[in-house]
Amino acid sequence: MEPLLLFSERERRIDRRASALLKYAHEHSERFPGKLEDVAFDEIPSEALHFHDPRTRQESNWLYYGGDSRDPLSPQQTIILASPSMAESQKRIAIFSDGAARLIGEEDFVRLLPKQLHSN
């Protein structure tokens, strides 16, 4: 898994999403919201809250694994938000419950997915 270096405006928006989710969890007994709509994503235009597939140019919702998904034993392995398809790098964008945004290959995503599905 590669750390996501925050250079572009899109990547800064991803970082702001992660910060807003962590702030919500901190304010709610370390629980993430049941749905993304419960989070105030200040300073992020509403159109930027959707994933834009670089190949098809289609807009879709991010995959969200919220609620009780913070695993204190392995937060760097617990995905809370992921792109619904691979980005330009042929990897998915994933935000983990420790707040880190990383690019992950499909194999890693599939390996980590059962943990997220079990957490909800």
PDB file of N, CA and C in Angstrom:
ATOM      1  N   MET A   1       0.841  -1.176   0.000  1.00  0.00           N
ATOM      2  CA  MET A   1       0.000   0.000   0.000  1.00  0.00           C
ATOM      3  C   MET A   1       0.883   1.234   0.000  1.00  0.00           C
ATOM      4  N   GLU A   2       0.499   2.178  -0.835  1.00  0.00           N
ATOM      5  CA  GLU A   2       1.278   3.402  -0.955  1.00  0.00           C
ATOM      6  C   GLU A   2       0.579   4.554  -0.246  1.00  0.00           C
ATOM      7  N   PRO A   3       1.338   5.375   0.501  1.00  0.00           N
ATOM      8  CA  PRO A   3       0.714   6.573   1.063  1.00  0.00           C
ATOM      9  C   PRO A   3       0.285   7.492  -0.075  1.00  0.00           C
ATOM     10  N   LEU A   4      -0.809   8.164   0.112  1.00  0.00           N
ATOM     11  CA  LEU A   4      -1.304   9.083  -0.900  1.00  0.00           C
ATOM     12  C   LEU A   4      -0.702  10.449  -0.623  1.00  0.00           C
ATOM     13  N   LEU A   5       0.136  10.918  -1.526  1.00  0.00           N
ATOM     14  CA  LEU A   5       0.752  12.224  -1.364  1.00  0.00           C
ATOM     15  C   LEU A   5      -0.239  13.283  -1.807  1.00  0.00           C
ATOM     16  N   LEU A   6      -0.444  14.275  -0.980  1.00  0.00           N
ATOM     17  CA  LEU A   6      -1.513  15.246  -1.205  1.00  0.00           C
ATOM     18  C   LEU A   6      -1.001  16.471  -1.960  1.00  0.00           C
ATOM     19  N   PHE A   7      -1.086  16.417  -3.280  1.00  0.00           N
ATOM     20  CA  PHE A   7      -0.637  17.533  -4.093  1.00  0.00           C
ATOM     21  C   PHE A   7      -1.789  18.198  -4.838  1.00  0.00           C
ATOM     22  N   SER A   8      -2.719  17.425  -5.354  1.00  0.00           N
ATOM     23  CA  SER A   8      -3.780  17.995  -6.166  1.00  0.00           C
ATOM     24  C   SER A   8      -4.955  18.433  -5.298  1.00  0.00           C
ATOM     25  N   GLU A   9      -5.809  19.230  -5.875  1.00  0.00           N
ATOM     26  CA  GLU A   9      -7.014  19.664  -5.166  1.00  0.00           C
ATOM     27  C   GLU A   9      -7.875  18.457  -4.790  1.00  0.00           C
ATOM     28  N   ARG A  10      -7.987  17.485  -5.672  1.00  0.00           N
ATOM     29  CA  ARG A  10      -8.764  16.284  -5.367  1.00  0.00           C
ATOM     30  C   ARG A  10      -8.188  15.570  -4.149  1.00  0.00           C
ATOM     31  N   GLU A  11      -6.873  15.475  -4.094  1.00  0.00           N
ATOM     32  CA  GLU A  11      -6.239  14.795  -2.967  1.00  0.00           C
ATOM     33  C   GLU A  11      -6.402  15.588  -1.673  1.00  0.00           C
ATOM     34  N   ARG A  12      -6.389  16.912  -1.765  1.00  0.00           N
ATOM     35  CA  ARG A  12      -6.638  17.722  -0.570  1.00  0.00           C
ATOM     36  C   ARG A  12      -8.079  17.521  -0.090  1.00  0.00           C
ATOM     37  N   ARG A  13      -9.013  17.366  -1.014  1.00  0.00           N
ATOM     38  CA  ARG A  13     -10.405  17.094  -0.628  1.00  0.00           C
ATOM     39  C   ARG A  13     -10.521  15.740   0.067  1.00  0.00           C
ATOM     40  N   ILE A  14      -9.767  14.764  -0.402  1.00  0.00           N
ATOM     41  CA  ILE A  14      -9.755  13.446   0.242  1.00  0.00           C
ATOM     42  C   ILE A  14      -9.249  13.592   1.671  1.00  0.00           C
ATOM     43  N   ASP A  15      -8.192  14.372   1.848  1.00  0.00           N
ATOM     44  CA  ASP A  15      -7.643  14.600   3.179  1.00  0.00           C
ATOM     45  C   ASP A  15      -8.675  15.290   4.070  1.00  0.00           C
ATOM     46  N   ARG A  16      -9.414  16.243   3.530  1.00  0.00           N
ATOM     47  CA  ARG A  16     -10.443  16.932   4.324  1.00  0.00           C
ATOM     48  C   ARG A  16     -11.574  15.982   4.687  1.00  0.00           C
ATOM     49  N   ARG A  17     -11.900  15.056   3.780  1.00  0.00           N
ATOM     50  CA  ARG A  17     -12.912  14.037   4.110  1.00  0.00           C
ATOM     51  C   ARG A  17     -12.453  13.201   5.292  1.00  0.00           C
ATOM     52  N   ALA A  18     -11.202  12.752   5.237  1.00  0.00           N
ATOM     53  CA  ALA A  18     -10.657  11.940   6.327  1.00  0.00           C
ATOM     54  C   ALA A  18     -10.693  12.719   7.640  1.00  0.00           C
ATOM     55  N   SER A  19     -10.305  13.978   7.605  1.00  0.00           N
ATOM     56  CA  SER A  19     -10.309  14.798   8.819  1.00  0.00           C
ATOM     57  C   SER A  19     -11.715  14.960   9.375  1.00  0.00           C
ATOM     58  N   ALA A  20     -12.695  15.177   8.503  1.00  0.00           N
ATOM     59  CA  ALA A  20     -14.075  15.338   8.957  1.00  0.00           C
ATOM     60  C   ALA A  20     -14.598  14.048   9.583  1.00  0.00           C
ATOM     61  N   LEU A  21     -14.259  12.903   9.003  1.00  0.00           N
ATOM     62  CA  LEU A  21     -14.696  11.617   9.566  1.00  0.00           C
ATOM     63  C   LEU A  21     -14.046  11.359  10.925  1.00  0.00           C
ATOM     64  N   LEU A  22     -12.758  11.658  11.043  1.00  0.00           N
ATOM     65  CA  LEU A  22     -12.082  11.474  12.328  1.00  0.00           C
ATOM     66  C   LEU A  22     -12.630  12.426  13.389  1.00  0.00           C
ATOM     67  N   LYS A  23     -12.932  13.646  12.999  1.00  0.00           N
ATOM     68  CA  LYS A  23     -13.508  14.609  13.941  1.00  0.00           C
ATOM     69  C   LYS A  23     -14.862  14.103  14.432  1.00  0.00           C
ATOM     70  N   TYR A  24     -15.678  13.605  13.514  1.00  0.00           N
ATOM     71  CA  TYR A  24     -16.980  13.064  13.901  1.00  0.00           C
ATOM     72  C   TYR A  24     -16.798  11.916  14.895  1.00  0.00           C
ATOM     73  N   ALA A  25     -15.899  10.992  14.599  1.00  0.00           N
ATOM     74  CA  ALA A  25     -15.672   9.848  15.489  1.00  0.00           C
ATOM     75  C   ALA A  25     -15.200  10.321  16.865  1.00  0.00           C
ATOM     76  N   HIS A  26     -14.315  11.288  16.881  1.00  0.00           N
ATOM     77  CA  HIS A  26     -13.808  11.810  18.154  1.00  0.00           C
ATOM     78  C   HIS A  26     -14.943  12.408  18.990  1.00  0.00           C
ATOM     79  N   GLU A  27     -15.877  13.077  18.325  1.00  0.00           N
ATOM     80  CA  GLU A  27     -16.991  13.725  19.023  1.00  0.00           C
ATOM     81  C   GLU A  27     -18.124  12.759  19.379  1.00  0.00           C
ATOM     82  N   HIS A  28     -18.055  11.521  18.875  1.00  0.00           N
ATOM     83  CA  HIS A  28     -19.138  10.546  19.079  1.00  0.00           C
ATOM     84  C   HIS A  28     -18.599   9.225  19.621  1.00  0.00           C
ATOM     85  N   SER A  29     -17.858   9.300  20.694  1.00  0.00           N
ATOM     86  CA  SER A  29     -17.353   8.102  21.397  1.00  0.00           C
ATOM     87  C   SER A  29     -16.602   7.144  20.480  1.00  0.00           C
ATOM     88  N   GLU A  30     -15.796   7.715  19.580  1.00  0.00           N
ATOM     89  CA  GLU A  30     -14.949   6.944  18.659  1.00  0.00           C
ATOM     90  C   GLU A  30     -15.744   6.093  17.673  1.00  0.00           C
ATOM     91  N   ARG A  31     -16.966   6.474  17.401  1.00  0.00           N
ATOM     92  CA  ARG A  31     -17.786   5.783  16.391  1.00  0.00           C
ATOM     93  C   ARG A  31     -17.940   6.671  15.170  1.00  0.00           C
ATOM     94  N   PHE A  32     -17.754   6.085  14.015  1.00  0.00           N
ATOM     95  CA  PHE A  32     -17.976   6.814  12.770  1.00  0.00           C
ATOM     96  C   PHE A  32     -19.471   6.901  12.515  1.00  0.00           C
ATOM     97  N   PRO A  33     -19.897   7.862  11.691  1.00  0.00           N
ATOM     98  CA  PRO A  33     -21.337   8.000  11.440  1.00  0.00           C
ATOM     99  C   PRO A  33     -21.906   6.770  10.729  1.00  0.00           C
ATOM    100  N   GLY A  34     -23.187   6.542  10.928  1.00  0.00           N
ATOM    101  CA  GLY A  34     -23.857   5.434  10.259  1.00  0.00           C
ATOM    102  C   GLY A  34     -23.907   5.636   8.750  1.00  0.00           C
ATOM    103  N   LYS A  35     -23.967   6.896   8.315  1.00  0.00           N
ATOM    104  CA  LYS A  35     -23.950   7.206   6.877  1.00  0.00           C
ATOM    105  C   LYS A  35     -23.195   8.511   6.657  1.00  0.00           C
ATOM    106  N   LEU A  36     -22.631   8.646   5.485  1.00  0.00           N
ATOM    107  CA  LEU A  36     -21.803   9.826   5.190  1.00  0.00           C
ATOM    108  C   LEU A  36     -22.581  11.132   5.298  1.00  0.00           C
ATOM    109  N   GLU A  37     -23.857  11.081   5.023  1.00  0.00           N
ATOM    110  CA  GLU A  37     -24.674  12.293   5.053  1.00  0.00           C
ATOM    111  C   GLU A  37     -24.723  12.916   6.445  1.00  0.00           C
ATOM    112  N   ASP A  38     -24.347  12.164   7.476  1.00  0.00           N
ATOM    113  CA  ASP A  38     -24.358  12.674   8.848  1.00  0.00           C
ATOM    114  C   ASP A  38     -23.147  13.546   9.169  1.00  0.00           C
ATOM    115  N   VAL A  39     -22.193  13.607   8.252  1.00  0.00           N
ATOM    116  CA  VAL A  39     -20.957  14.365   8.487  1.00  0.00           C
ATOM    117  C   VAL A  39     -21.023  15.697   7.753  1.00  0.00           C
ATOM    118  N   ALA A  40     -20.585  16.753   8.427  1.00  0.00           N
ATOM    119  CA  ALA A  40     -20.494  18.067   7.783  1.00  0.00           C
ATOM    120  C   ALA A  40     -19.131  18.159   7.106  1.00  0.00           C
ATOM    121  N   PHE A  41     -19.124  18.088   5.793  1.00  0.00           N
ATOM    122  CA  PHE A  41     -17.875  18.209   5.037  1.00  0.00           C
ATOM    123  C   PHE A  41     -17.687  19.673   4.655  1.00  0.00           C
ATOM    124  N   ASP A  42     -17.281  20.470   5.635  1.00  0.00           N
ATOM    125  CA  ASP A  42     -17.071  21.898   5.402  1.00  0.00           C
ATOM    126  C   ASP A  42     -15.996  22.120   4.355  1.00  0.00           C
ATOM    127  N   GLU A  43     -16.175  23.156   3.582  1.00  0.00           N
ATOM    128  CA  GLU A  43     -15.195  23.594   2.597  1.00  0.00           C
ATOM    129  C   GLU A  43     -14.974  22.599   1.459  1.00  0.00           C
ATOM    130  N   ILE A  44     -15.841  21.618   1.326  1.00  0.00           N
ATOM    131  CA  ILE A  44     -15.736  20.694   0.198  1.00  0.00           C
ATOM    132  C   ILE A  44     -16.995  20.869  -0.641  1.00  0.00           C
ATOM    133  N   PRO A  45     -16.858  21.305  -1.898  1.00  0.00           N
ATOM    134  CA  PRO A  45     -18.046  21.458  -2.740  1.00  0.00           C
ATOM    135  C   PRO A  45     -18.800  20.135  -2.849  1.00  0.00           C
ATOM    136  N   SER A  46     -20.127  20.197  -2.877  1.00  0.00           N
ATOM    137  CA  SER A  46     -20.929  18.970  -2.878  1.00  0.00           C
ATOM    138  C   SER A  46     -20.582  18.052  -4.050  1.00  0.00           C
ATOM    139  N   GLU A  47     -20.242  18.612  -5.207  1.00  0.00           N
ATOM    140  CA  GLU A  47     -19.891  17.756  -6.350  1.00  0.00           C
ATOM    141  C   GLU A  47     -18.586  17.007  -6.124  1.00  0.00           C
ATOM    142  N   ALA A  48     -17.760  17.509  -5.216  1.00  0.00           N
ATOM    143  CA  ALA A  48     -16.485  16.853  -4.927  1.00  0.00           C
ATOM    144  C   ALA A  48     -16.649  15.678  -3.966  1.00  0.00           C
ATOM    145  N   LEU A  49     -17.842  15.484  -3.437  1.00  0.00           N
ATOM    146  CA  LEU A  49     -18.075  14.381  -2.520  1.00  0.00           C
ATOM    147  C   LEU A  49     -18.344  13.073  -3.245  1.00  0.00           C
ATOM    148  N   HIS A  50     -18.372  13.114  -4.565  1.00  0.00           N
ATOM    149  CA  HIS A  50     -18.580  11.909  -5.370  1.00  0.00           C
ATOM    150  C   HIS A  50     -17.278  11.523  -6.057  1.00  0.00           C
ATOM    151  N   PHE A  51     -17.139  10.248  -6.347  1.00  0.00           N
ATOM    152  CA  PHE A  51     -15.961   9.752  -7.053  1.00  0.00           C
ATOM    153  C   PHE A  51     -16.214   9.881  -8.553  1.00  0.00           C
ATOM    154  N   HIS A  52     -15.247  10.397  -9.254  1.00  0.00           N
ATOM    155  CA  HIS A  52     -15.337  10.542 -10.715  1.00  0.00           C
ATOM    156  C   HIS A  52     -14.357   9.549 -11.331  1.00  0.00           C
ATOM    157  N   ASP A  53     -14.899   8.525 -11.973  1.00  0.00           N
ATOM    158  CA  ASP A  53     -14.066   7.490 -12.579  1.00  0.00           C
ATOM    159  C   ASP A  53     -13.249   8.100 -13.710  1.00  0.00           C
ATOM    160  N   PRO A  54     -11.921   8.001 -13.649  1.00  0.00           N
ATOM    161  CA  PRO A  54     -11.081   8.643 -14.663  1.00  0.00           C
ATOM    162  C   PRO A  54     -11.211   8.017 -16.047  1.00  0.00           C
ATOM    163  N   ARG A  55     -11.632   6.753 -16.103  1.00  0.00           N
ATOM    164  CA  ARG A  55     -11.766   6.090 -17.408  1.00  0.00           C
ATOM    165  C   ARG A  55     -13.109   6.367 -18.045  1.00  0.00           C
ATOM    166  N   THR A  56     -14.184   6.241 -17.277  1.00  0.00           N
ATOM    167  CA  THR A  56     -15.531   6.381 -17.843  1.00  0.00           C
ATOM    168  C   THR A  56     -16.108   7.776 -17.667  1.00  0.00           C
ATOM    169  N   ARG A  57     -15.482   8.566 -16.787  1.00  0.00           N
ATOM    170  CA  ARG A  57     -15.959   9.906 -16.431  1.00  0.00           C
ATOM    171  C   ARG A  57     -17.325   9.867 -15.729  1.00  0.00           C
ATOM    172  N   GLN A  58     -17.719   8.689 -15.263  1.00  0.00           N
ATOM    173  CA  GLN A  58     -18.973   8.536 -14.532  1.00  0.00           C
ATOM    174  C   GLN A  58     -18.779   8.948 -13.076  1.00  0.00           C
ATOM    175  N   GLU A  59     -19.814   9.519 -12.509  1.00  0.00           N
ATOM    176  CA  GLU A  59     -19.802   9.909 -11.109  1.00  0.00           C
ATOM    177  C   GLU A  59     -20.529   8.841 -10.296  1.00  0.00           C
ATOM    178  N   SER A  60     -19.953   8.473  -9.161  1.00  0.00           N
ATOM    179  CA  SER A  60     -20.611   7.495  -8.299  1.00  0.00           C
ATOM    180  C   SER A  60     -20.261   7.788  -6.848  1.00  0.00           C
ATOM    181  N   ASN A  61     -20.982   7.153  -5.954  1.00  0.00           N
ATOM    182  CA  ASN A  61     -20.740   7.349  -4.526  1.00  0.00           C
ATOM    183  C   ASN A  61     -19.518   6.574  -4.080  1.00  0.00           C
ATOM    184  N   TRP A  62     -18.838   7.115  -3.079  1.00  0.00           N
ATOM    185  CA  TRP A  62     -17.728   6.417  -2.446  1.00  0.00           C
ATOM    186  C   TRP A  62     -18.296   5.228  -1.675  1.00  0.00           C
ATOM    187  N   LEU A  63     -17.494   4.206  -1.468  1.00  0.00           N
ATOM    188  CA  LEU A  63     -17.880   3.068  -0.644  1.00  0.00           C
ATOM    189  C   LEU A  63     -17.576   3.446   0.802  1.00  0.00           C
ATOM    190  N   TYR A  64     -18.582   3.402   1.654  1.00  0.00           N
ATOM    191  CA  TYR A  64     -18.415   3.833   3.036  1.00  0.00           C
ATOM    192  C   TYR A  64     -18.686   2.676   3.984  1.00  0.00           C
ATOM    193  N   TYR A  65     -17.766   2.486   4.920  1.00  0.00           N
ATOM    194  CA  TYR A  65     -17.877   1.434   5.933  1.00  0.00           C
ATOM    195  C   TYR A  65     -17.823   2.114   7.292  1.00  0.00           C
ATOM    196  N   GLY A  66     -18.946   2.598   7.742  1.00  0.00           N
ATOM    197  CA  GLY A  66     -18.961   3.415   8.944  1.00  0.00           C
ATOM    198  C   GLY A  66     -19.530   2.724  10.152  1.00  0.00           C
ATOM    199  N   GLY A  67     -20.086   3.534  11.034  1.00  0.00           N
ATOM    200  CA  GLY A  67     -20.655   3.004  12.262  1.00  0.00           C
ATOM    201  C   GLY A  67     -19.575   2.535  13.201  1.00  0.00           C
ATOM    202  N   ASP A  68     -19.572   1.260  13.505  1.00  0.00           N
ATOM    203  CA  ASP A  68     -18.657   0.681  14.479  1.00  0.00           C
ATOM    204  C   ASP A  68     -17.358   0.190  13.852  1.00  0.00           C
ATOM    205  N   SER A  69     -16.923   0.790  12.751  1.00  0.00           N
ATOM    206  CA  SER A  69     -15.818   0.205  11.999  1.00  0.00           C
ATOM    207  C   SER A  69     -14.423   0.583  12.497  1.00  0.00           C
ATOM    208  N   ARG A  70     -14.290   1.297  13.582  1.00  0.00           N
ATOM    209  CA  ARG A  70     -12.952   1.641  14.080  1.00  0.00           C
ATOM    210  C   ARG A  70     -12.422   0.475  14.902  1.00  0.00           C
ATOM    211  N   ASP A  71     -11.395  -0.162  14.401  1.00  0.00           N
ATOM    212  CA  ASP A  71     -10.765  -1.286  15.097  1.00  0.00           C
ATOM    213  C   ASP A  71      -9.534  -0.754  15.822  1.00  0.00           C
ATOM    214  N   PRO A  72      -9.564  -0.664  17.150  1.00  0.00           N
ATOM    215  CA  PRO A  72      -8.429  -0.085  17.874  1.00  0.00           C
ATOM    216  C   PRO A  72      -7.152  -0.908  17.756  1.00  0.00           C
ATOM    217  N   LEU A  73      -7.266  -2.181  17.395  1.00  0.00           N
ATOM    218  CA  LEU A  73      -6.079  -3.024  17.290  1.00  0.00           C
ATOM    219  C   LEU A  73      -5.364  -2.869  15.952  1.00  0.00           C
ATOM    220  N   SER A  74      -6.098  -2.498  14.909  1.00  0.00           N
ATOM    221  CA  SER A  74      -5.457  -2.349  13.593  1.00  0.00           C
ATOM    222  C   SER A  74      -6.131  -1.255  12.765  1.00  0.00           C
ATOM    223  N   PRO A  75      -6.089   0.002  13.230  1.00  0.00           N
ATOM    224  CA  PRO A  75      -6.737   1.077  12.477  1.00  0.00           C
ATOM    225  C   PRO A  75      -6.126   1.304  11.103  1.00  0.00           C
ATOM    226  N   GLN A  76      -4.846   0.959  10.939  1.00  0.00           N
ATOM    227  CA  GLN A  76      -4.193   1.133   9.635  1.00  0.00           C
ATOM    228  C   GLN A  76      -4.644   0.062   8.648  1.00  0.00           C
ATOM    229  N   GLN A  77      -5.437  -0.908   9.095  1.00  0.00           N
ATOM    230  CA  GLN A  77      -5.958  -1.963   8.227  1.00  0.00           C
ATOM    231  C   GLN A  77      -7.470  -1.858   8.029  1.00  0.00           C
ATOM    232  N   THR A  78      -8.109  -0.893   8.704  1.00  0.00           N
ATOM    233  CA  THR A  78      -9.562  -0.778   8.656  1.00  0.00           C
ATOM    234  C   THR A  78      -9.967   0.365   7.738  1.00  0.00           C
ATOM    235  N   ILE A  79     -10.530   0.034   6.609  1.00  0.00           N
ATOM    236  CA  ILE A  79     -10.968   1.026   5.626  1.00  0.00           C
ATOM    237  C   ILE A  79     -12.303   1.608   6.083  1.00  0.00           C
ATOM    238  N   ILE A  80     -12.417   2.942   6.031  1.00  0.00           N
ATOM    239  CA  ILE A  80     -13.713   3.545   6.305  1.00  0.00           C
ATOM    240  C   ILE A  80     -14.327   4.159   5.047  1.00  0.00           C
ATOM    241  N   LEU A  81     -13.490   4.498   4.061  1.00  0.00           N
ATOM    242  CA  LEU A  81     -13.986   5.100   2.831  1.00  0.00           C
ATOM    243  C   LEU A  81     -13.075   4.665   1.688  1.00  0.00           C
ATOM    244  N   ALA A  82     -13.667   4.235   0.574  1.00  0.00           N
ATOM    245  CA  ALA A  82     -12.858   3.795  -0.569  1.00  0.00           C
ATOM    246  C   ALA A  82     -13.526   4.201  -1.873  1.00  0.00           C
ATOM    247  N   SER A  83     -12.700   4.413  -2.878  1.00  0.00           N
ATOM    248  CA  SER A  83     -13.249   4.704  -4.200  1.00  0.00           C
ATOM    249  C   SER A  83     -13.946   3.449  -4.728  1.00  0.00           C
ATOM    250  N   PRO A  84     -15.053   3.608  -5.440  1.00  0.00           N
ATOM    251  CA  PRO A  84     -15.797   2.443  -5.934  1.00  0.00           C
ATOM    252  C   PRO A  84     -15.093   1.702  -7.064  1.00  0.00           C
ATOM    253  N   SER A  85     -14.101   2.341  -7.660  1.00  0.00           N
ATOM    254  CA  SER A  85     -13.316   1.686  -8.705  1.00  0.00           C
ATOM    255  C   SER A  85     -11.888   2.225  -8.622  1.00  0.00           C
ATOM    256  N   MET A  86     -11.039   1.697  -9.453  1.00  0.00           N
ATOM    257  CA  MET A  86      -9.641   2.109  -9.408  1.00  0.00           C
ATOM    258  C   MET A  86      -9.461   3.491 -10.032  1.00  0.00           C
ATOM    259  N   ALA A  87      -8.519   4.235  -9.493  1.00  0.00           N
ATOM    260  CA  ALA A  87      -8.198   5.570  -9.987  1.00  0.00           C
ATOM    261  C   ALA A  87      -7.178   5.452 -11.117  1.00  0.00           C
ATOM    262  N   GLU A  88      -6.613   6.588 -11.511  1.00  0.00           N
ATOM    263  CA  GLU A  88      -5.655   6.613 -12.621  1.00  0.00           C
ATOM    264  C   GLU A  88      -4.486   5.672 -12.406  1.00  0.00           C
ATOM    265  N   SER A  89      -4.106   5.462 -11.170  1.00  0.00           N
ATOM    266  CA  SER A  89      -2.947   4.636 -10.841  1.00  0.00           C
ATOM    267  C   SER A  89      -3.252   3.143 -10.904  1.00  0.00           C
ATOM    268  N   GLN A  90      -4.466   2.801 -11.293  1.00  0.00           N
ATOM    269  CA  GLN A  90      -4.922   1.410 -11.290  1.00  0.00           C
ATOM    270  C   GLN A  90      -4.981   0.856  -9.878  1.00  0.00           C
ATOM    271  N   LYS A  91      -5.178   1.754  -8.921  1.00  0.00           N
ATOM    272  CA  LYS A  91      -5.358   1.382  -7.524  1.00  0.00           C
ATOM    273  C   LYS A  91      -6.554   2.140  -6.990  1.00  0.00           C
ATOM    274  N   ARG A  92      -7.111   1.631  -5.896  1.00  0.00           N
ATOM    275  CA  ARG A  92      -8.211   2.323  -5.241  1.00  0.00           C
ATOM    276  C   ARG A  92      -7.668   3.351  -4.259  1.00  0.00           C
ATOM    277  N   ILE A  93      -8.427   4.390  -4.062  1.00  0.00           N
ATOM    278  CA  ILE A  93      -8.132   5.364  -3.021  1.00  0.00           C
ATOM    279  C   ILE A  93      -8.869   4.873  -1.784  1.00  0.00           C
ATOM    280  N   ALA A  94      -8.171   4.759  -0.671  1.00  0.00           N
ATOM    281  CA  ALA A  94      -8.789   4.290   0.567  1.00  0.00           C
ATOM    282  C   ALA A  94      -8.399   5.199   1.716  1.00  0.00           C
ATOM    283  N   ILE A  95      -9.379   5.491   2.566  1.00  0.00           N
ATOM    284  CA  ILE A  95      -9.136   6.216   3.806  1.00  0.00           C
ATOM    285  C   ILE A  95      -9.338   5.212   4.933  1.00  0.00           C
ATOM    286  N   PHE A  96      -8.342   5.124   5.789  1.00  0.00           N
ATOM    287  CA  PHE A  96      -8.361   4.154   6.881  1.00  0.00           C
ATOM    288  C   PHE A  96      -8.801   4.826   8.180  1.00  0.00           C
ATOM    289  N   SER A  97      -9.175   4.016   9.162  1.00  0.00           N
ATOM    290  CA  SER A  97      -9.709   4.578  10.402  1.00  0.00           C
ATOM    291  C   SER A  97      -8.663   5.305  11.241  1.00  0.00           C
ATOM    292  N   ASP A  98      -7.396   5.227  10.853  1.00  0.00           N
ATOM    293  CA  ASP A  98      -6.384   6.043  11.524  1.00  0.00           C
ATOM    294  C   ASP A  98      -6.222   7.405  10.847  1.00  0.00           C
ATOM    295  N   GLY A  99      -7.034   7.658   9.789  1.00  0.00           N
ATOM    296  CA  GLY A  99      -7.006   8.937   9.082  1.00  0.00           C
ATOM    297  C   GLY A  99      -6.110   8.966   7.874  1.00  0.00           C
ATOM    298  N   ALA A 100      -5.330   7.930   7.656  1.00  0.00           N
ATOM    299  CA  ALA A 100      -4.417   7.898   6.513  1.00  0.00           C
ATOM    300  C   ALA A 100      -5.177   7.620   5.222  1.00  0.00           C
ATOM    301  N   ALA A 101      -4.790   8.307   4.173  1.00  0.00           N
ATOM    302  CA  ALA A 101      -5.314   8.048   2.831  1.00  0.00           C
ATOM    303  C   ALA A 101      -4.214   7.353   2.051  1.00  0.00           C
ATOM    304  N   ARG A 102      -4.543   6.195   1.463  1.00  0.00           N
ATOM    305  CA  ARG A 102      -3.533   5.436   0.731  1.00  0.00           C
ATOM    306  C   ARG A 102      -4.119   4.895  -0.570  1.00  0.00           C
ATOM    307  N   LEU A 103      -3.226   4.648  -1.502  1.00  0.00           N
ATOM    308  CA  LEU A 103      -3.594   3.937  -2.726  1.00  0.00           C
ATOM    309  C   LEU A 103      -3.370   2.457  -2.458  1.00  0.00           C
ATOM    310  N   ILE A 104      -4.375   1.641  -2.744  1.00  0.00           N
ATOM    311  CA  ILE A 104      -4.223   0.206  -2.513  1.00  0.00           C
ATOM    312  C   ILE A 104      -4.624  -0.558  -3.770  1.00  0.00           C
ATOM    313  N   GLY A 105      -3.921  -1.630  -4.013  1.00  0.00           N
ATOM    314  CA  GLY A 105      -4.238  -2.490  -5.141  1.00  0.00           C
ATOM    315  C   GLY A 105      -5.525  -3.267  -4.883  1.00  0.00           C
ATOM    316  N   GLU A 106      -6.083  -3.782  -5.933  1.00  0.00           N
ATOM    317  CA  GLU A 106      -7.337  -4.524  -5.818  1.00  0.00           C
ATOM    318  C   GLU A 106      -7.182  -5.752  -4.922  1.00  0.00           C
ATOM    319  N   GLU A 107      -6.033  -6.393  -4.987  1.00  0.00           N
ATOM    320  CA  GLU A 107      -5.789  -7.571  -4.147  1.00  0.00           C
ATOM    321  C   GLU A 107      -5.834  -7.203  -2.661  1.00  0.00           C
ATOM    322  N   ASP A 108      -5.209  -6.087  -2.291  1.00  0.00           N
ATOM    323  CA  ASP A 108      -5.255  -5.631  -0.901  1.00  0.00           C
ATOM    324  C   ASP A 108      -6.673  -5.237  -0.505  1.00  0.00           C
ATOM    325  N   PHE A 109      -7.382  -4.572  -1.408  1.00  0.00           N
ATOM    326  CA  PHE A 109      -8.759  -4.169  -1.114  1.00  0.00           C
ATOM    327  C   PHE A 109      -9.627  -5.392  -0.824  1.00  0.00           C
ATOM    328  N   VAL A 110      -9.523  -6.395  -1.676  1.00  0.00           N
ATOM    329  CA  VAL A 110     -10.310  -7.618  -1.495  1.00  0.00           C
ATOM    330  C   VAL A 110      -9.915  -8.327  -0.197  1.00  0.00           C
ATOM    331  N   ARG A 111      -8.651  -8.315   0.133  1.00  0.00           N
ATOM    332  CA  ARG A 111      -8.182  -8.951   1.371  1.00  0.00           C
ATOM    333  C   ARG A 111      -8.728  -8.232   2.608  1.00  0.00           C
ATOM    334  N   LEU A 112      -8.789  -6.904   2.567  1.00  0.00           N
ATOM    335  CA  LEU A 112      -9.250  -6.126   3.714  1.00  0.00           C
ATOM    336  C   LEU A 112     -10.769  -6.018   3.807  1.00  0.00           C
ATOM    337  N   LEU A 113     -11.457  -6.228   2.707  1.00  0.00           N
ATOM    338  CA  LEU A 113     -12.906  -6.024   2.662  1.00  0.00           C
ATOM    339  C   LEU A 113     -13.685  -6.830   3.700  1.00  0.00           C
ATOM    340  N   PRO A 114     -13.408  -8.114   3.928  1.00  0.00           N
ATOM    341  CA  PRO A 114     -14.202  -8.847   4.935  1.00  0.00           C
ATOM    342  C   PRO A 114     -14.151  -8.203   6.319  1.00  0.00           C
ATOM    343  N   LYS A 115     -13.042  -7.588   6.667  1.00  0.00           N
ATOM    344  CA  LYS A 115     -12.919  -6.917   7.966  1.00  0.00           C
ATOM    345  C   LYS A 115     -13.934  -5.773   8.054  1.00  0.00           C
ATOM    346  N   GLN A 116     -14.082  -5.026   6.986  1.00  0.00           N
ATOM    347  CA  GLN A 116     -15.036  -3.909   6.970  1.00  0.00           C
ATOM    348  C   GLN A 116     -16.465  -4.430   7.019  1.00  0.00           C
ATOM    349  N   LEU A 117     -16.762  -5.448   6.248  1.00  0.00           N
ATOM    350  CA  LEU A 117     -18.121  -5.984   6.209  1.00  0.00           C
ATOM    351  C   LEU A 117     -18.496  -6.580   7.565  1.00  0.00           C
ATOM    352  N   HIS A 118     -17.522  -7.185   8.254  1.00  0.00           N
ATOM    353  CA  HIS A 118     -17.771  -7.761   9.571  1.00  0.00           C
ATOM    354  C   HIS A 118     -17.991  -6.681  10.621  1.00  0.00           C
ATOM    355  N   SER A 119     -17.364  -5.516  10.442  1.00  0.00           N
ATOM    356  CA  SER A 119     -17.441  -4.448  11.435  1.00  0.00           C
ATOM    357  C   SER A 119     -18.802  -3.780  11.462  1.00  0.00           C
ATOM    358  N   ASN A 120     -19.517  -3.809  10.372  1.00  0.00           N
ATOM    359  CA  ASN A 120     -20.775  -3.069  10.306  1.00  0.00           C
ATOM    360  C   ASN A 120     -21.916  -3.786  10.905  1.00  0.00           C
TER     361      ASN A 120
END
